[in-house]
């Protein structure tokens, strides 16, 4: 959708450094507290029931929290 909107986006290369800490976020448009709350609720649920760890382990190889 960003490509379609023409809004600028910057993709960063993240170096693969063992033991390094990297902060990653999800961008949402300002002024949409309902979407923010829904996304946070879903993420909290995934962390509580183990889904987040399962996905991280499958794709990253470890829990990334």
C-alpha atoms as a PDB file:
ATOM      1  CA  UNK A   1       0.000   0.000   0.000  1.00  0.00           C
ATOM      2  CA  UNK A   2       2.875   2.400   0.625  1.00  0.00           C
ATOM      3  CA  UNK A   3       4.127   1.916  -2.906  1.00  0.00           C
ATOM      4  CA  UNK A   4       0.659   2.733  -4.186  1.00  0.00           C
ATOM      5  CA  UNK A   5       0.315   5.850  -2.007  1.00  0.00           C
ATOM      6  CA  UNK A   6       3.658   7.306  -3.002  1.00  0.00           C
ATOM      7  CA  UNK A   7       4.543   8.012   0.652  1.00  0.00           C
ATOM      8  CA  UNK A   8       8.293   7.820   1.273  1.00  0.00           C
ATOM      9  CA  UNK A   9       9.605   4.742   3.027  1.00  0.00           C
ATOM     10  CA  UNK A  10      13.128   3.812   3.996  1.00  0.00           C
ATOM     11  CA  UNK A  11      14.205   0.188   4.286  1.00  0.00           C
ATOM     12  CA  UNK A  12      17.186  -0.411   6.529  1.00  0.00           C
ATOM     13  CA  UNK A  13      19.721  -3.201   6.267  1.00  0.00           C
ATOM     14  CA  UNK A  14      20.183  -4.718   9.714  1.00  0.00           C
ATOM     15  CA  UNK A  15      23.598  -6.283  10.272  1.00  0.00           C
ATOM     16  CA  UNK A  16      23.607  -9.863  11.500  1.00  0.00           C
ATOM     17  CA  UNK A  17      25.641  -9.495  14.690  1.00  0.00           C
ATOM     18  CA  UNK A  18      25.365 -12.325  17.205  1.00  0.00           C
ATOM     19  CA  UNK A  19      23.960 -11.071  20.485  1.00  0.00           C
ATOM     20  CA  UNK A  20      23.130  -7.611  19.099  1.00  0.00           C
ATOM     21  CA  UNK A  21      19.911  -5.921  20.118  1.00  0.00           C
ATOM     22  CA  UNK A  22      17.681  -4.510  17.373  1.00  0.00           C
ATOM     23  CA  UNK A  23      14.429  -2.640  17.946  1.00  0.00           C
ATOM     24  CA  UNK A  24      11.757  -3.271  15.341  1.00  0.00           C
ATOM     25  CA  UNK A  25       8.340  -1.668  15.167  1.00  0.00           C
ATOM     26  CA  UNK A  26       5.184  -1.570  13.126  1.00  0.00           C
ATOM     27  CA  UNK A  27       4.247   1.743  11.546  1.00  0.00           C
ATOM     28  CA  UNK A  28       0.652   2.914  11.642  1.00  0.00           C
ATOM     29  CA  UNK A  29      -0.801   6.256  10.666  1.00  0.00           C
ATOM     30  CA  UNK A  30      -1.220   8.767  13.499  1.00  0.00           C
ATOM     31  CA  UNK A  31      -4.748   9.456  14.636  1.00  0.00           C
ATOM     32  CA  UNK A  32      -5.968   5.862  14.559  1.00  0.00           C
ATOM     33  CA  UNK A  33      -6.092   4.797  18.223  1.00  0.00           C
ATOM     34  CA  UNK A  34      -8.534   1.964  17.481  1.00  0.00           C
ATOM     35  CA  UNK A  35      -6.067   0.278  15.113  1.00  0.00           C
ATOM     36  CA  UNK A  36      -3.208   0.813  17.561  1.00  0.00           C
ATOM     37  CA  UNK A  37      -5.231  -0.731  20.404  1.00  0.00           C
ATOM     38  CA  UNK A  38      -6.320  -3.689  18.253  1.00  0.00           C
ATOM     39  CA  UNK A  39      -2.750  -4.386  17.138  1.00  0.00           C
ATOM     40  CA  UNK A  40      -1.449  -4.136  20.712  1.00  0.00           C
ATOM     41  CA  UNK A  41      -4.179  -6.482  21.959  1.00  0.00           C
ATOM     42  CA  UNK A  42      -3.313  -9.037  19.271  1.00  0.00           C
ATOM     43  CA  UNK A  43       0.414  -8.800  20.032  1.00  0.00           C
ATOM     44  CA  UNK A  44      -0.193  -9.121  23.786  1.00  0.00           C
ATOM     45  CA  UNK A  45      -2.322 -12.213  23.137  1.00  0.00           C
ATOM     46  CA  UNK A  46       0.369 -13.754  20.949  1.00  0.00           C
ATOM     47  CA  UNK A  47       2.969 -13.200  23.646  1.00  0.00           C
ATOM     48  CA  UNK A  48       0.701 -14.606  26.350  1.00  0.00           C
ATOM     49  CA  UNK A  49      -0.231 -17.808  24.505  1.00  0.00           C
ATOM     50  CA  UNK A  50       3.220 -18.564  23.063  1.00  0.00           C
ATOM     51  CA  UNK A  51       2.414 -17.793  19.417  1.00  0.00           C
ATOM     52  CA  UNK A  52       4.976 -14.980  19.277  1.00  0.00           C
ATOM     53  CA  UNK A  53       7.767 -17.253  20.522  1.00  0.00           C
ATOM     54  CA  UNK A  54       6.732 -20.023  18.109  1.00  0.00           C
ATOM     55  CA  UNK A  55       6.859 -17.678  15.108  1.00  0.00           C
ATOM     56  CA  UNK A  56      10.149 -16.098  16.205  1.00  0.00           C
ATOM     57  CA  UNK A  57      11.758 -19.486  16.737  1.00  0.00           C
ATOM     58  CA  UNK A  58      10.584 -20.738  13.362  1.00  0.00           C
ATOM     59  CA  UNK A  59      11.748 -17.726  11.352  1.00  0.00           C
ATOM     60  CA  UNK A  60      14.570 -16.218  13.438  1.00  0.00           C
ATOM     61  CA  UNK A  61      15.809 -19.302  15.253  1.00  0.00           C
ATOM     62  CA  UNK A  62      15.199 -17.978  18.775  1.00  0.00           C
ATOM     63  CA  UNK A  63      12.869 -15.903  20.926  1.00  0.00           C
ATOM     64  CA  UNK A  64      13.576 -12.259  20.036  1.00  0.00           C
ATOM     65  CA  UNK A  65      11.874 -10.484  22.933  1.00  0.00           C
END
